[in-house]
PDB file of N, CA and C in Angstrom:
ATOM      1  N   MET A   1       0.815  -1.154  -0.033  1.00  0.00           N
ATOM      2  CA  MET A   1      -0.017   0.004   0.007  1.00  0.00           C
ATOM      3  C   MET A   1       0.883   1.244   0.028  1.00  0.00           C
ATOM      4  N   ASN A   2       0.602   2.155  -0.841  1.00  0.00           N
ATOM      5  CA  ASN A   2       1.287   3.447  -0.896  1.00  0.00           C
ATOM      6  C   ASN A   2       0.357   4.539  -0.475  1.00  0.00           C
ATOM      7  N   GLY A   3       0.884   5.495   0.158  1.00  0.00           N
ATOM      8  CA  GLY A   3       0.029   6.596   0.619  1.00  0.00           C
ATOM      9  C   GLY A   3       0.808   7.673   1.256  1.00  0.00           C
ATOM     10  N   THR A   4       0.084   8.709   1.681  1.00  0.00           N
ATOM     11  CA  THR A   4       0.661   9.835   2.354  1.00  0.00           C
ATOM     12  C   THR A   4      -0.089  10.098   3.681  1.00  0.00           C
ATOM     13  N   ILE A   5       0.637  10.396   4.686  1.00  0.00           N
ATOM     14  CA  ILE A   5       0.057  10.780   6.037  1.00  0.00           C
ATOM     15  C   ILE A   5      -0.024  12.320   5.963  1.00  0.00           C
ATOM     16  N   LEU A   6      -1.243  12.795   6.320  1.00  0.00           N
ATOM     17  CA  LEU A   6      -1.445  14.224   6.422  1.00  0.00           C
ATOM     18  C   LEU A   6      -1.268  14.716   7.838  1.00  0.00           C
ATOM     19  N   LYS A   7      -0.629  15.915   7.959  1.00  0.00           N
ATOM     20  CA  LYS A   7      -0.386  16.476   9.292  1.00  0.00           C
ATOM     21  C   LYS A   7      -0.686  17.974   9.256  1.00  0.00           C
ATOM     22  N   ASP A   8      -1.360  18.433  10.263  1.00  0.00           N
ATOM     23  CA  ASP A   8      -1.603  19.860  10.436  1.00  0.00           C
ATOM     24  C   ASP A   8      -0.327  20.519  10.916  1.00  0.00           C
ATOM     25  N   PRO A   9       0.088  21.644  10.396  1.00  0.00           N
ATOM     26  CA  PRO A   9       1.338  22.250  10.796  1.00  0.00           C
ATOM     27  C   PRO A   9       1.362  22.761  12.283  1.00  0.00           C
ATOM     28  N   GLN A  10       0.157  22.859  12.868  1.00  0.00           N
ATOM     29  CA  GLN A  10       0.111  23.346  14.243  1.00  0.00           C
ATOM     30  C   GLN A  10       0.011  22.232  15.274  1.00  0.00           C
ATOM     31  N   SER A  11       0.014  20.984  14.796  1.00  0.00           N
ATOM     32  CA  SER A  11      -0.178  19.864  15.729  1.00  0.00           C
ATOM     33  C   SER A  11       1.066  19.015  15.857  1.00  0.00           C
ATOM     34  N   GLU A  12       1.096  18.141  16.877  1.00  0.00           N
ATOM     35  CA  GLU A  12       2.107  17.157  17.012  1.00  0.00           C
ATOM     36  C   GLU A  12       1.446  15.873  16.467  1.00  0.00           C
ATOM     37  N   LEU A  13       2.298  14.988  15.922  1.00  0.00           N
ATOM     38  CA  LEU A  13       1.839  13.765  15.355  1.00  0.00           C
ATOM     39  C   LEU A  13       2.591  12.610  15.866  1.00  0.00           C
ATOM     40  N   GLU A  14       1.972  11.598  16.459  1.00  0.00           N
ATOM     41  CA  GLU A  14       2.646  10.382  16.911  1.00  0.00           C
ATOM     42  C   GLU A  14       2.507   9.359  15.799  1.00  0.00           C
ATOM     43  N   PHE A  15       3.651   8.694  15.495  1.00  0.00           N
ATOM     44  CA  PHE A  15       3.633   7.736  14.388  1.00  0.00           C
ATOM     45  C   PHE A  15       4.547   6.600  14.791  1.00  0.00           C
ATOM     46  N   TRP A  16       4.252   5.432  14.352  1.00  0.00           N
ATOM     47  CA  TRP A  16       5.085   4.218  14.642  1.00  0.00           C
ATOM     48  C   TRP A  16       5.134   3.245  13.538  1.00  0.00           C
ATOM     49  N   PHE A  17       6.220   2.429  13.528  1.00  0.00           N
ATOM     50  CA  PHE A  17       6.359   1.276  12.613  1.00  0.00           C
ATOM     51  C   PHE A  17       6.387   0.062  13.471  1.00  0.00           C
ATOM     52  N   ASP A  18       5.657  -0.938  13.073  1.00  0.00           N
ATOM     53  CA  ASP A  18       5.669  -2.243  13.679  1.00  0.00           C
ATOM     54  C   ASP A  18       6.593  -3.120  12.756  1.00  0.00           C
ATOM     55  N   TRP A  19       7.763  -3.408  13.268  1.00  0.00           N
ATOM     56  CA  TRP A  19       8.763  -4.168  12.432  1.00  0.00           C
ATOM     57  C   TRP A  19       8.421  -5.589  12.201  1.00  0.00           C
ATOM     58  N   ARG A  20       7.456  -6.149  12.936  1.00  0.00           N
ATOM     59  CA  ARG A  20       7.056  -7.543  12.727  1.00  0.00           C
ATOM     60  C   ARG A  20       6.276  -7.727  11.465  1.00  0.00           C
ATOM     61  N   LEU A  21       5.758  -6.602  10.894  1.00  0.00           N
ATOM     62  CA  LEU A  21       4.966  -6.680   9.688  1.00  0.00           C
ATOM     63  C   LEU A  21       5.796  -6.811   8.408  1.00  0.00           C
ATOM     64  N   GLY A  22       6.515  -7.947   8.324  1.00  0.00           N
ATOM     65  CA  GLY A  22       7.305  -8.262   7.105  1.00  0.00           C
ATOM     66  C   GLY A  22       8.693  -7.811   7.064  1.00  0.00           C
ATOM     67  N   TYR A  23       9.277  -7.432   8.229  1.00  0.00           N
ATOM     68  CA  TYR A  23      10.648  -6.931   8.255  1.00  0.00           C
ATOM     69  C   TYR A  23      11.545  -7.753   9.155  1.00  0.00           C
ATOM     70  N   LEU A  24      11.071  -8.131  10.390  1.00  0.00           N
ATOM     71  CA  LEU A  24      11.865  -8.896  11.308  1.00  0.00           C
ATOM     72  C   LEU A  24      11.787 -10.394  10.943  1.00  0.00           C
ATOM     73  N   LYS A  25      12.902 -11.078  11.125  1.00  0.00           N
ATOM     74  CA  LYS A  25      12.825 -12.535  10.976  1.00  0.00           C
ATOM     75  C   LYS A  25      12.197 -13.136  12.257  1.00  0.00           C
ATOM     76  N   LYS A  26      11.916 -14.420  12.164  1.00  0.00           N
ATOM     77  CA  LYS A  26      11.247 -15.086  13.292  1.00  0.00           C
ATOM     78  C   LYS A  26      12.160 -14.983  14.470  1.00  0.00           C
ATOM     79  N   ASN A  27      11.669 -14.528  15.623  1.00  0.00           N
ATOM     80  CA  ASN A  27      12.287 -14.348  16.901  1.00  0.00           C
ATOM     81  C   ASN A  27      13.316 -13.205  16.924  1.00  0.00           C
ATOM     82  N   GLU A  28      13.436 -12.447  15.831  1.00  0.00           N
ATOM     83  CA  GLU A  28      14.376 -11.243  15.792  1.00  0.00           C
ATOM     84  C   GLU A  28      13.656 -10.029  16.495  1.00  0.00           C
ATOM     85  N   THR A  29      14.428  -9.199  17.188  1.00  0.00           N
ATOM     86  CA  THR A  29      13.871  -8.086  17.828  1.00  0.00           C
ATOM     87  C   THR A  29      14.699  -6.809  17.534  1.00  0.00           C
ATOM     88  N   VAL A  30      14.098  -5.689  17.813  1.00  0.00           N
ATOM     89  CA  VAL A  30      14.728  -4.382  17.671  1.00  0.00           C
ATOM     90  C   VAL A  30      15.643  -4.260  18.878  1.00  0.00           C
ATOM     91  N   GLU A  31      16.937  -4.005  18.620  1.00  0.00           N
ATOM     92  CA  GLU A  31      17.916  -3.868  19.755  1.00  0.00           C
ATOM     93  C   GLU A  31      18.350  -2.409  19.897  1.00  0.00           C
ATOM     94  N   HIS A  32      18.514  -1.698  18.744  1.00  0.00           N
ATOM     95  CA  HIS A  32      18.993  -0.310  18.792  1.00  0.00           C
ATOM     96  C   HIS A  32      18.120   0.575  17.932  1.00  0.00           C
ATOM     97  N   ASP A  33      17.820   1.691  18.473  1.00  0.00           N
ATOM     98  CA  ASP A  33      17.144   2.740  17.687  1.00  0.00           C
ATOM     99  C   ASP A  33      18.205   3.585  17.078  1.00  0.00           C
ATOM    100  N   LEU A  34      18.401   3.543  15.778  1.00  0.00           N
ATOM    101  CA  LEU A  34      19.476   4.292  15.097  1.00  0.00           C
ATOM    102  C   LEU A  34      19.007   5.623  14.657  1.00  0.00           C
ATOM    103  N   GLY A  35      17.742   6.023  14.951  1.00  0.00           N
ATOM    104  CA  GLY A  35      17.238   7.315  14.706  1.00  0.00           C
ATOM    105  C   GLY A  35      16.203   7.498  13.600  1.00  0.00           C
ATOM    106  N   TRP A  36      15.532   8.557  13.717  1.00  0.00           N
ATOM    107  CA  TRP A  36      14.506   9.018  12.698  1.00  0.00           C
ATOM    108  C   TRP A  36      15.143  10.224  12.033  1.00  0.00           C
ATOM    109  N   THR A  37      14.934  10.336  10.750  1.00  0.00           N
ATOM    110  CA  THR A  37      15.372  11.539   9.988  1.00  0.00           C
ATOM    111  C   THR A  37      14.244  12.075   9.235  1.00  0.00           C
ATOM    112  N   VAL A  38      14.324  13.401   8.944  1.00  0.00           N
ATOM    113  CA  VAL A  38      13.355  14.106   8.137  1.00  0.00           C
ATOM    114  C   VAL A  38      14.041  14.727   6.998  1.00  0.00           C
ATOM    115  N   GLN A  39      13.477  14.550   5.753  1.00  0.00           N
ATOM    116  CA  GLN A  39      14.044  15.190   4.601  1.00  0.00           C
ATOM    117  C   GLN A  39      12.926  15.847   3.861  1.00  0.00           C
ATOM    118  N   PRO A  40      12.983  16.936   3.303  1.00  0.00           N
ATOM    119  CA  PRO A  40      14.205  17.840   3.337  1.00  0.00           C
ATOM    120  C   PRO A  40      14.326  18.540   4.639  1.00  0.00           C
ATOM    121  N   VAL A  41      15.508  18.898   4.887  1.00  0.00           N
ATOM    122  CA  VAL A  41      15.861  19.769   6.068  1.00  0.00           C
ATOM    123  C   VAL A  41      16.259  21.148   5.517  1.00  0.00           C
ATOM    124  N   ASP A  42      15.627  22.123   6.070  1.00  0.00           N
ATOM    125  CA  ASP A  42      15.997  23.496   5.530  1.00  0.00           C
ATOM    126  C   ASP A  42      16.118  24.448   6.736  1.00  0.00           C
ATOM    127  N   ASP A  43      16.398  25.727   6.435  1.00  0.00           N
ATOM    128  CA  ASP A  43      16.590  26.712   7.457  1.00  0.00           C
ATOM    129  C   ASP A  43      15.323  27.309   8.007  1.00  0.00           C
ATOM    130  N   ASP A  44      14.145  26.908   7.458  1.00  0.00           N
ATOM    131  CA  ASP A  44      12.842  27.482   7.887  1.00  0.00           C
ATOM    132  C   ASP A  44      12.650  26.981   9.369  1.00  0.00           C
ATOM    133  N   PRO A  45      12.430  27.886  10.287  1.00  0.00           N
ATOM    134  CA  PRO A  45      12.193  27.504  11.691  1.00  0.00           C
ATOM    135  C   PRO A  45      10.915  26.619  11.900  1.00  0.00           C
ATOM    136  N   ASN A  46      10.037  26.616  10.862  1.00  0.00           N
ATOM    137  CA  ASN A  46       8.815  25.830  10.926  1.00  0.00           C
ATOM    138  C   ASN A  46       9.021  24.492  10.326  1.00  0.00           C
ATOM    139  N   CYS A  47      10.157  24.084   9.917  1.00  0.00           N
ATOM    140  CA  CYS A  47      10.417  22.792   9.294  1.00  0.00           C
ATOM    141  C   CYS A  47       9.996  21.716  10.245  1.00  0.00           C
ATOM    142  N   LEU A  48       9.574  20.553   9.680  1.00  0.00           N
ATOM    143  CA  LEU A  48       9.175  19.401  10.453  1.00  0.00           C
ATOM    144  C   LEU A  48      10.334  18.911  11.344  1.00  0.00           C
ATOM    145  N   LYS A  49       9.992  18.673  12.610  1.00  0.00           N
ATOM    146  CA  LYS A  49      11.054  18.290  13.559  1.00  0.00           C
ATOM    147  C   LYS A  49      10.665  17.025  14.337  1.00  0.00           C
ATOM    148  N   VAL A  50      11.625  16.146  14.602  1.00  0.00           N
ATOM    149  CA  VAL A  50      11.447  15.085  15.463  1.00  0.00           C
ATOM    150  C   VAL A  50      11.609  15.545  16.862  1.00  0.00           C
ATOM    151  N   ILE A  51      10.566  15.374  17.724  1.00  0.00           N
ATOM    152  CA  ILE A  51      10.677  15.896  19.110  1.00  0.00           C
ATOM    153  C   ILE A  51      10.766  14.784  20.179  1.00  0.00           C
ATOM    154  N   GLU A  52      10.475  13.535  19.701  1.00  0.00           N
ATOM    155  CA  GLU A  52      10.612  12.374  20.669  1.00  0.00           C
ATOM    156  C   GLU A  52      10.681  11.137  19.862  1.00  0.00           C
ATOM    157  N   GLN A  53      11.473  10.175  20.254  1.00  0.00           N
ATOM    158  CA  GLN A  53      11.567   8.915  19.640  1.00  0.00           C
ATOM    159  C   GLN A  53      11.847   7.805  20.662  1.00  0.00           C
ATOM    160  N   THR A  54      11.177   6.686  20.538  1.00  0.00           N
ATOM    161  CA  THR A  54      11.358   5.506  21.460  1.00  0.00           C
ATOM    162  C   THR A  54      11.249   4.252  20.613  1.00  0.00           C
ATOM    163  N   HIS A  55      11.650   3.172  21.257  1.00  0.00           N
ATOM    164  CA  HIS A  55      11.487   1.851  20.619  1.00  0.00           C
ATOM    165  C   HIS A  55      11.197   0.788  21.638  1.00  0.00           C
ATOM    166  N   SER A  56      10.661  -0.312  21.172  1.00  0.00           N
ATOM    167  CA  SER A  56      10.413  -1.469  22.025  1.00  0.00           C
ATOM    168  C   SER A  56      11.040  -2.659  21.187  1.00  0.00           C
ATOM    169  N   MET A  57      10.784  -3.849  21.662  1.00  0.00           N
ATOM    170  CA  MET A  57      11.369  -5.061  20.947  1.00  0.00           C
ATOM    171  C   MET A  57      10.933  -5.163  19.544  1.00  0.00           C
ATOM    172  N   HIS A  58       9.692  -4.580  19.201  1.00  0.00           N
ATOM    173  CA  HIS A  58       9.139  -4.800  17.838  1.00  0.00           C
ATOM    174  C   HIS A  58       8.730  -3.550  17.175  1.00  0.00           C
ATOM    175  N   ARG A  59       8.703  -2.395  17.857  1.00  0.00           N
ATOM    176  CA  ARG A  59       8.130  -1.169  17.248  1.00  0.00           C
ATOM    177  C   ARG A  59       9.079   0.018  17.527  1.00  0.00           C
ATOM    178  N   SER A  60       8.988   1.001  16.582  1.00  0.00           N
ATOM    179  CA  SER A  60       9.693   2.236  16.682  1.00  0.00           C
ATOM    180  C   SER A  60       8.589   3.345  16.688  1.00  0.00           C
ATOM    181  N   ARG A  61       8.738   4.299  17.526  1.00  0.00           N
ATOM    182  CA  ARG A  61       7.806   5.371  17.718  1.00  0.00           C
ATOM    183  C   ARG A  61       8.462   6.756  17.597  1.00  0.00           C
ATOM    184  N   VAL A  62       7.717   7.641  16.920  1.00  0.00           N
ATOM    185  CA  VAL A  62       8.260   9.004  16.797  1.00  0.00           C
ATOM    186  C   VAL A  62       7.116   9.992  17.024  1.00  0.00           C
ATOM    187  N   VAL A  63       7.414  11.174  17.513  1.00  0.00           N
ATOM    188  CA  VAL A  63       6.557  12.307  17.589  1.00  0.00           C
ATOM    189  C   VAL A  63       7.181  13.409  16.849  1.00  0.00           C
ATOM    190  N   VAL A  64       6.448  13.999  15.888  1.00  0.00           N
ATOM    191  CA  VAL A  64       6.913  15.078  15.078  1.00  0.00           C
ATOM    192  C   VAL A  64       6.078  16.350  15.310  1.00  0.00           C
ATOM    193  N   SER A  65       6.645  17.514  15.076  1.00  0.00           N
ATOM    194  CA  SER A  65       5.869  18.735  15.182  1.00  0.00           C
ATOM    195  C   SER A  65       6.274  19.658  14.073  1.00  0.00           C
ATOM    196  N   GLY A  66       5.455  20.673  13.896  1.00  0.00           N
ATOM    197  CA  GLY A  66       5.720  21.710  12.864  1.00  0.00           C
ATOM    198  C   GLY A  66       5.505  21.228  11.491  1.00  0.00           C
ATOM    199  N   GLY A  67       6.219  21.856  10.597  1.00  0.00           N
ATOM    200  CA  GLY A  67       6.042  21.548   9.171  1.00  0.00           C
ATOM    201  C   GLY A  67       5.545  22.781   8.416  1.00  0.00           C
ATOM    202  N   VAL A  68       5.993  22.936   7.248  1.00  0.00           N
ATOM    203  CA  VAL A  68       5.608  24.069   6.373  1.00  0.00           C
ATOM    204  C   VAL A  68       4.364  23.635   5.500  1.00  0.00           C
ATOM    205  N   PHE A  69       3.324  24.433   5.488  1.00  0.00           N
ATOM    206  CA  PHE A  69       2.102  24.058   4.789  1.00  0.00           C
ATOM    207  C   PHE A  69       2.421  23.762   3.372  1.00  0.00           C
ATOM    208  N   GLY A  70       1.909  22.602   2.853  1.00  0.00           N
ATOM    209  CA  GLY A  70       2.119  22.243   1.498  1.00  0.00           C
ATOM    210  C   GLY A  70       3.354  21.420   1.221  1.00  0.00           C
ATOM    211  N   GLN A  71       4.307  21.395   2.147  1.00  0.00           N
ATOM    212  CA  GLN A  71       5.573  20.681   1.953  1.00  0.00           C
ATOM    213  C   GLN A  71       5.338  19.190   2.208  1.00  0.00           C
ATOM    214  N   VAL A  72       6.045  18.435   1.441  1.00  0.00           N
ATOM    215  CA  VAL A  72       6.046  16.942   1.548  1.00  0.00           C
ATOM    216  C   VAL A  72       7.339  16.552   2.172  1.00  0.00           C
ATOM    217  N   TYR A  73       7.345  15.736   3.185  1.00  0.00           N
ATOM    218  CA  TYR A  73       8.569  15.261   3.893  1.00  0.00           C
ATOM    219  C   TYR A  73       8.701  13.729   3.823  1.00  0.00           C
ATOM    220  N   LEU A  74       9.899  13.249   3.826  1.00  0.00           N
ATOM    221  CA  LEU A  74      10.183  11.827   3.939  1.00  0.00           C
ATOM    222  C   LEU A  74      10.643  11.580   5.352  1.00  0.00           C
ATOM    223  N   LEU A  75       9.955  10.794   6.128  1.00  0.00           N
ATOM    224  CA  LEU A  75      10.271  10.463   7.462  1.00  0.00           C
ATOM    225  C   LEU A  75      10.797   9.015   7.511  1.00  0.00           C
ATOM    226  N   THR A  76      12.074   8.830   7.880  1.00  0.00           N
ATOM    227  CA  THR A  76      12.766   7.559   7.808  1.00  0.00           C
ATOM    228  C   THR A  76      13.238   7.123   9.224  1.00  0.00           C
ATOM    229  N   CYS A  77      13.021   5.832   9.522  1.00  0.00           N
ATOM    230  CA  CYS A  77      13.439   5.258  10.719  1.00  0.00           C
ATOM    231  C   CYS A  77      14.452   4.189  10.425  1.00  0.00           C
ATOM    232  N   THR A  78      15.522   4.145  11.158  1.00  0.00           N
ATOM    233  CA  THR A  78      16.593   3.111  11.063  1.00  0.00           C
ATOM    234  C   THR A  78      16.759   2.390  12.388  1.00  0.00           C
ATOM    235  N   ILE A  79      16.844   1.106  12.370  1.00  0.00           N
ATOM    236  CA  ILE A  79      17.037   0.334  13.585  1.00  0.00           C
ATOM    237  C   ILE A  79      18.110  -0.729  13.314  1.00  0.00           C
ATOM    238  N   GLY A  80      18.662  -1.205  14.480  1.00  0.00           N
ATOM    239  CA  GLY A  80      19.558  -2.349  14.489  1.00  0.00           C
ATOM    240  C   GLY A  80      18.937  -3.502  15.235  1.00  0.00           C
ATOM    241  N   THR A  81      19.045  -4.674  14.719  1.00  0.00           N
ATOM    242  CA  THR A  81      18.361  -5.811  15.352  1.00  0.00           C
ATOM    243  C   THR A  81      19.379  -6.651  16.168  1.00  0.00           C
ATOM    244  N   ASP A  82      18.826  -7.592  16.907  1.00  0.00           N
ATOM    245  CA  ASP A  82      19.633  -8.434  17.716  1.00  0.00           C
ATOM    246  C   ASP A  82      20.440  -9.443  16.858  1.00  0.00           C
ATOM    247  N   LEU A  83      20.083  -9.587  15.584  1.00  0.00           N
ATOM    248  CA  LEU A  83      20.763 -10.427  14.641  1.00  0.00           C
ATOM    249  C   LEU A  83      21.836  -9.616  13.886  1.00  0.00           C
ATOM    250  N   GLY A  84      22.066  -8.372  14.259  1.00  0.00           N
ATOM    251  CA  GLY A  84      23.091  -7.548  13.642  1.00  0.00           C
ATOM    252  C   GLY A  84      22.687  -6.900  12.340  1.00  0.00           C
ATOM    253  N   ARG A  85      21.402  -6.975  11.969  1.00  0.00           N
ATOM    254  CA  ARG A  85      20.919  -6.375  10.743  1.00  0.00           C
ATOM    255  C   ARG A  85      20.506  -4.926  11.000  1.00  0.00           C
ATOM    256  N   VAL A  86      20.669  -4.057   9.955  1.00  0.00           N
ATOM    257  CA  VAL A  86      20.217  -2.700   9.987  1.00  0.00           C
ATOM    258  C   VAL A  86      19.054  -2.578   8.990  1.00  0.00           C
ATOM    259  N   LEU A  87      17.907  -2.121   9.517  1.00  0.00           N
ATOM    260  CA  LEU A  87      16.692  -2.023   8.743  1.00  0.00           C
ATOM    261  C   LEU A  87      16.219  -0.580   8.698  1.00  0.00           C
ATOM    262  N   LYS A  88      15.628  -0.186   7.512  1.00  0.00           N
ATOM    263  CA  LYS A  88      15.025   1.119   7.392  1.00  0.00           C
ATOM    264  C   LYS A  88      13.634   1.041   6.831  1.00  0.00           C
ATOM    265  N   ARG A  89      12.785   1.975   7.296  1.00  0.00           N
ATOM    266  CA  ARG A  89      11.465   2.076   6.777  1.00  0.00           C
ATOM    267  C   ARG A  89      11.171   3.612   6.619  1.00  0.00           C
ATOM    268  N   ALA A  90      10.345   3.945   5.694  1.00  0.00           N
ATOM    269  CA  ALA A  90      10.043   5.390   5.499  1.00  0.00           C
ATOM    270  C   ALA A  90       8.564   5.603   5.260  1.00  0.00           C
ATOM    271  N   ALA A  91       8.101   6.814   5.515  1.00  0.00           N
ATOM    272  CA  ALA A  91       6.758   7.238   5.299  1.00  0.00           C
ATOM    273  C   ALA A  91       6.781   8.636   4.659  1.00  0.00           C
ATOM    274  N   ILE A  92       5.827   8.884   3.853  1.00  0.00           N
ATOM    275  CA  ILE A  92       5.678  10.182   3.217  1.00  0.00           C
ATOM    276  C   ILE A  92       4.630  11.017   4.038  1.00  0.00           C
ATOM    277  N   LEU A  93       4.984  12.189   4.448  1.00  0.00           N
ATOM    278  CA  LEU A  93       4.129  13.027   5.287  1.00  0.00           C
ATOM    279  C   LEU A  93       3.935  14.365   4.603  1.00  0.00           C
ATOM    280  N   ARG A  94       2.730  14.731   4.429  1.00  0.00           N
ATOM    281  CA  ARG A  94       2.415  16.047   3.758  1.00  0.00           C
ATOM    282  C   ARG A  94       1.735  16.996   4.817  1.00  0.00           C
ATOM    283  N   ILE A  95       2.171  18.222   4.820  1.00  0.00           N
ATOM    284  CA  ILE A  95       1.578  19.181   5.743  1.00  0.00           C
ATOM    285  C   ILE A  95       0.409  19.796   5.080  1.00  0.00           C
ATOM    286  N   SER A  96      -0.768  19.587   5.713  1.00  0.00           N
ATOM    287  CA  SER A  96      -2.066  19.979   5.140  1.00  0.00           C
ATOM    288  C   SER A  96      -2.775  20.993   6.068  1.00  0.00           C
ATOM    289  N   GLY A  97      -3.979  21.295   5.709  1.00  0.00           N
ATOM    290  CA  GLY A  97      -4.732  22.273   6.538  1.00  0.00           C
ATOM    291  C   GLY A  97      -5.214  21.691   7.916  1.00  0.00           C
ATOM    292  N   ALA A  98      -5.731  22.594   8.754  1.00  0.00           N
ATOM    293  CA  ALA A  98      -6.138  22.285  10.061  1.00  0.00           C
ATOM    294  C   ALA A  98      -7.140  21.124  10.058  1.00  0.00           C
ATOM    295  N   GLY A  99      -7.055  20.221  11.087  1.00  0.00           N
ATOM    296  CA  GLY A  99      -8.046  19.159  11.200  1.00  0.00           C
ATOM    297  C   GLY A  99      -7.708  17.941  10.446  1.00  0.00           C
ATOM    298  N   HIS A 100      -6.580  17.839   9.768  1.00  0.00           N
ATOM    299  CA  HIS A 100      -6.256  16.625   8.980  1.00  0.00           C
ATOM    300  C   HIS A 100      -5.147  15.831   9.577  1.00  0.00           C
ATOM    301  N   SER A 101      -4.681  16.187  10.768  1.00  0.00           N
ATOM    302  CA  SER A 101      -3.495  15.512  11.297  1.00  0.00           C
ATOM    303  C   SER A 101      -3.736  13.989  11.550  1.00  0.00           C
ATOM    304  N   GLY A 102      -2.773  13.207  11.069  1.00  0.00           N
ATOM    305  CA  GLY A 102      -2.832  11.743  11.257  1.00  0.00           C
ATOM    306  C   GLY A 102      -3.614  10.994  10.155  1.00  0.00           C
ATOM    307  N   GLU A 103      -4.300  11.718   9.313  1.00  0.00           N
ATOM    308  CA  GLU A 103      -5.093  11.036   8.247  1.00  0.00           C
ATOM    309  C   GLU A 103      -4.143  10.424   7.278  1.00  0.00           C
ATOM    310  N   PHE A 104      -4.572   9.270   6.739  1.00  0.00           N
ATOM    311  CA  PHE A 104      -3.816   8.567   5.704  1.00  0.00           C
ATOM    312  C   PHE A 104      -4.546   8.569   4.425  1.00  0.00           C
ATOM    313  N   HIS A 105      -3.912   8.956   3.300  1.00  0.00           N
ATOM    314  CA  HIS A 105      -4.520   8.960   2.047  1.00  0.00           C
ATOM    315  C   HIS A 105      -3.754   8.130   1.072  1.00  0.00           C
ATOM    316  N   GLU A 106      -4.444   7.129   0.535  1.00  0.00           N
ATOM    317  CA  GLU A 106      -3.785   6.195  -0.336  1.00  0.00           C
ATOM    318  C   GLU A 106      -3.531   6.833  -1.703  1.00  0.00           C
ATOM    319  N   ILE A 107      -2.403   6.550  -2.347  1.00  0.00           N
ATOM    320  CA  ILE A 107      -2.052   6.959  -3.699  1.00  0.00           C
ATOM    321  C   ILE A 107      -2.527   5.973  -4.684  1.00  0.00           C
ATOM    322  N   ASP A 108      -3.216   6.461  -5.720  1.00  0.00           N
ATOM    323  CA  ASP A 108      -3.724   5.545  -6.798  1.00  0.00           C
ATOM    324  C   ASP A 108      -2.652   5.137  -7.731  1.00  0.00           C
TER     325      ASP A 108
END
């Protein structure tokens, strides 16, 4: 499934990846949170920012804030597993009007 997550520029958005959904091998777990990144990064003080990140044995969680209206961002998470693998997942996030935060819109 391809799609875009919509976020209001004035809100915070909590987002997570469940690595068990086709990424981790049987009995493999998340051992290290290697960080979340936002692209593009620019000098605008309203640019999308990671304000909190956590992980558990199977999930990675992030809270982002801000964002420039109309801008599309790539939000990427990188983890290390107990089997020594490094995995990445990404989501597309678009800054939209008020009241749309957290909505998911599928791309045709």
